[in-house]
Amino acid sequence: MTEIKLLINEKEIPLNPIMSTILTKINLGFMEALKNLPDDKKTITIEIKL
């Protein structure tokens, strides 16, 4: 099962199932457009620093 977490300033922000699904699908769709990624992805980390 896919698990996604949103952390802001090291604090986890709860996501409802719809937001969790949306964020997961957006990011997995983005990954499909990239080249040279491993086929056996187990974790993906995206970090945004503002």
N, C-alpha and C. Protein backbone atom coordinates (compact mmCIF):
# COMPACT_ATOMS: atom_id res chain seq x y z
N MET A 1 0.84 -1.19 0.00
CA MET A 1 0.00 0.00 0.00
C MET A 1 0.88 1.25 0.00
N THR A 2 0.49 2.24 -0.77
CA THR A 2 1.23 3.48 -0.86
C THR A 2 0.99 4.34 0.38
N GLU A 3 2.06 4.92 0.87
CA GLU A 3 1.96 5.81 2.03
C GLU A 3 2.61 7.13 1.65
N ILE A 4 1.97 8.24 1.96
CA ILE A 4 2.53 9.55 1.69
C ILE A 4 2.39 10.40 2.94
N LYS A 5 3.43 11.20 3.22
CA LYS A 5 3.41 12.09 4.37
C LYS A 5 3.73 13.49 3.90
N LEU A 6 3.10 14.47 4.52
CA LEU A 6 3.40 15.87 4.28
C LEU A 6 3.94 16.43 5.58
N LEU A 7 5.19 16.92 5.54
CA LEU A 7 5.80 17.53 6.72
C LEU A 7 6.13 18.99 6.41
N ILE A 8 5.74 19.88 7.28
CA ILE A 8 6.08 21.29 7.16
C ILE A 8 6.78 21.68 8.45
N ASN A 9 8.01 22.20 8.32
CA ASN A 9 8.84 22.54 9.47
C ASN A 9 8.95 21.36 10.44
N GLU A 10 9.17 20.17 9.86
CA GLU A 10 9.34 18.93 10.64
C GLU A 10 8.06 18.45 11.33
N LYS A 11 6.93 19.09 11.09
CA LYS A 11 5.66 18.69 11.70
C LYS A 11 4.79 18.02 10.63
N GLU A 12 4.31 16.82 10.94
CA GLU A 12 3.47 16.10 9.98
C GLU A 12 2.08 16.73 9.92
N ILE A 13 1.64 16.96 8.69
CA ILE A 13 0.32 17.53 8.43
C ILE A 13 -0.57 16.37 7.96
N PRO A 14 -1.67 16.12 8.67
CA PRO A 14 -2.54 15.01 8.28
C PRO A 14 -3.19 15.25 6.90
N LEU A 15 -3.25 14.21 6.11
CA LEU A 15 -3.88 14.27 4.79
C LEU A 15 -5.10 13.36 4.78
N ASN A 16 -6.19 13.85 4.21
CA ASN A 16 -7.33 12.97 4.06
C ASN A 16 -7.07 12.04 2.87
N PRO A 17 -7.83 10.98 2.72
CA PRO A 17 -7.56 10.01 1.65
C PRO A 17 -7.55 10.62 0.24
N ILE A 18 -8.40 11.59 -0.01
CA ILE A 18 -8.44 12.20 -1.35
C ILE A 18 -7.15 12.95 -1.63
N MET A 19 -6.68 13.77 -0.68
CA MET A 19 -5.44 14.52 -0.88
C MET A 19 -4.24 13.57 -0.99
N SER A 20 -4.24 12.52 -0.20
CA SER A 20 -3.16 11.54 -0.26
C SER A 20 -3.10 10.90 -1.64
N THR A 21 -4.23 10.52 -2.17
CA THR A 21 -4.29 9.92 -3.51
C THR A 21 -3.85 10.90 -4.58
N ILE A 22 -4.31 12.14 -4.50
CA ILE A 22 -3.95 13.16 -5.49
C ILE A 22 -2.44 13.41 -5.49
N LEU A 23 -1.86 13.62 -4.31
CA LEU A 23 -0.42 13.87 -4.24
C LEU A 23 0.39 12.68 -4.74
N THR A 24 -0.05 11.48 -4.40
CA THR A 24 0.64 10.29 -4.86
C THR A 24 0.60 10.18 -6.38
N LYS A 25 -0.57 10.33 -6.98
CA LYS A 25 -0.71 10.17 -8.43
C LYS A 25 0.01 11.27 -9.20
N ILE A 26 -0.02 12.50 -8.69
CA ILE A 26 0.70 13.59 -9.35
C ILE A 26 2.19 13.28 -9.39
N ASN A 27 2.73 12.87 -8.27
CA ASN A 27 4.17 12.62 -8.20
C ASN A 27 4.58 11.38 -8.99
N LEU A 28 3.79 10.32 -8.95
CA LEU A 28 4.11 9.13 -9.74
C LEU A 28 4.00 9.43 -11.23
N GLY A 29 3.03 10.26 -11.62
CA GLY A 29 2.91 10.66 -13.02
C GLY A 29 4.12 11.47 -13.47
N PHE A 30 4.59 12.35 -12.61
CA PHE A 30 5.79 13.13 -12.89
C PHE A 30 6.99 12.21 -13.10
N MET A 31 7.11 11.19 -12.26
CA MET A 31 8.23 10.26 -12.36
C MET A 31 8.22 9.50 -13.69
N GLU A 32 7.04 9.22 -14.23
CA GLU A 32 6.93 8.49 -15.50
C GLU A 32 7.60 9.25 -16.64
N ALA A 33 7.65 10.58 -16.55
CA ALA A 33 8.23 11.40 -17.61
C ALA A 33 9.76 11.46 -17.53
N LEU A 34 10.33 11.04 -16.42
CA LEU A 34 11.78 11.10 -16.23
C LEU A 34 12.45 9.85 -16.78
N LYS A 35 13.69 10.01 -17.20
CA LYS A 35 14.45 8.89 -17.76
C LYS A 35 15.45 8.37 -16.73
N ASN A 36 15.89 7.14 -16.93
CA ASN A 36 16.95 6.51 -16.15
C ASN A 36 16.60 6.30 -14.67
N LEU A 37 15.33 6.11 -14.37
CA LEU A 37 14.92 5.79 -13.00
C LEU A 37 14.92 4.28 -12.82
N PRO A 38 15.22 3.80 -11.63
CA PRO A 38 15.18 2.35 -11.42
C PRO A 38 13.75 1.82 -11.53
N ASP A 39 13.63 0.60 -12.02
CA ASP A 39 12.31 -0.03 -12.14
C ASP A 39 11.74 -0.45 -10.79
N ASP A 40 12.61 -0.74 -9.85
CA ASP A 40 12.17 -1.27 -8.56
C ASP A 40 12.14 -0.19 -7.47
N LYS A 41 11.42 0.89 -7.74
CA LYS A 41 11.32 1.99 -6.78
C LYS A 41 10.56 1.54 -5.53
N LYS A 42 11.16 1.76 -4.36
CA LYS A 42 10.52 1.42 -3.10
C LYS A 42 10.15 2.66 -2.32
N THR A 43 10.97 3.68 -2.38
CA THR A 43 10.68 4.96 -1.74
C THR A 43 11.08 6.08 -2.68
N ILE A 44 10.35 7.18 -2.57
CA ILE A 44 10.67 8.40 -3.32
C ILE A 44 10.62 9.54 -2.31
N THR A 45 11.67 10.33 -2.25
CA THR A 45 11.71 11.47 -1.34
C THR A 45 11.77 12.74 -2.15
N ILE A 46 10.85 13.65 -1.89
CA ILE A 46 10.84 14.96 -2.54
C ILE A 46 10.93 15.99 -1.43
N GLU A 47 11.94 16.85 -1.52
CA GLU A 47 12.13 17.85 -0.48
C GLU A 47 12.11 19.23 -1.15
N ILE A 48 11.30 20.12 -0.62
CA ILE A 48 11.21 21.48 -1.14
C ILE A 48 11.59 22.43 -0.02
N LYS A 49 12.63 23.22 -0.24
CA LYS A 49 13.04 24.20 0.76
C LYS A 49 12.66 25.58 0.24
N LEU A 50 11.94 26.30 1.05
CA LEU A 50 11.50 27.65 0.66
C LEU A 50 12.35 28.71 1.35
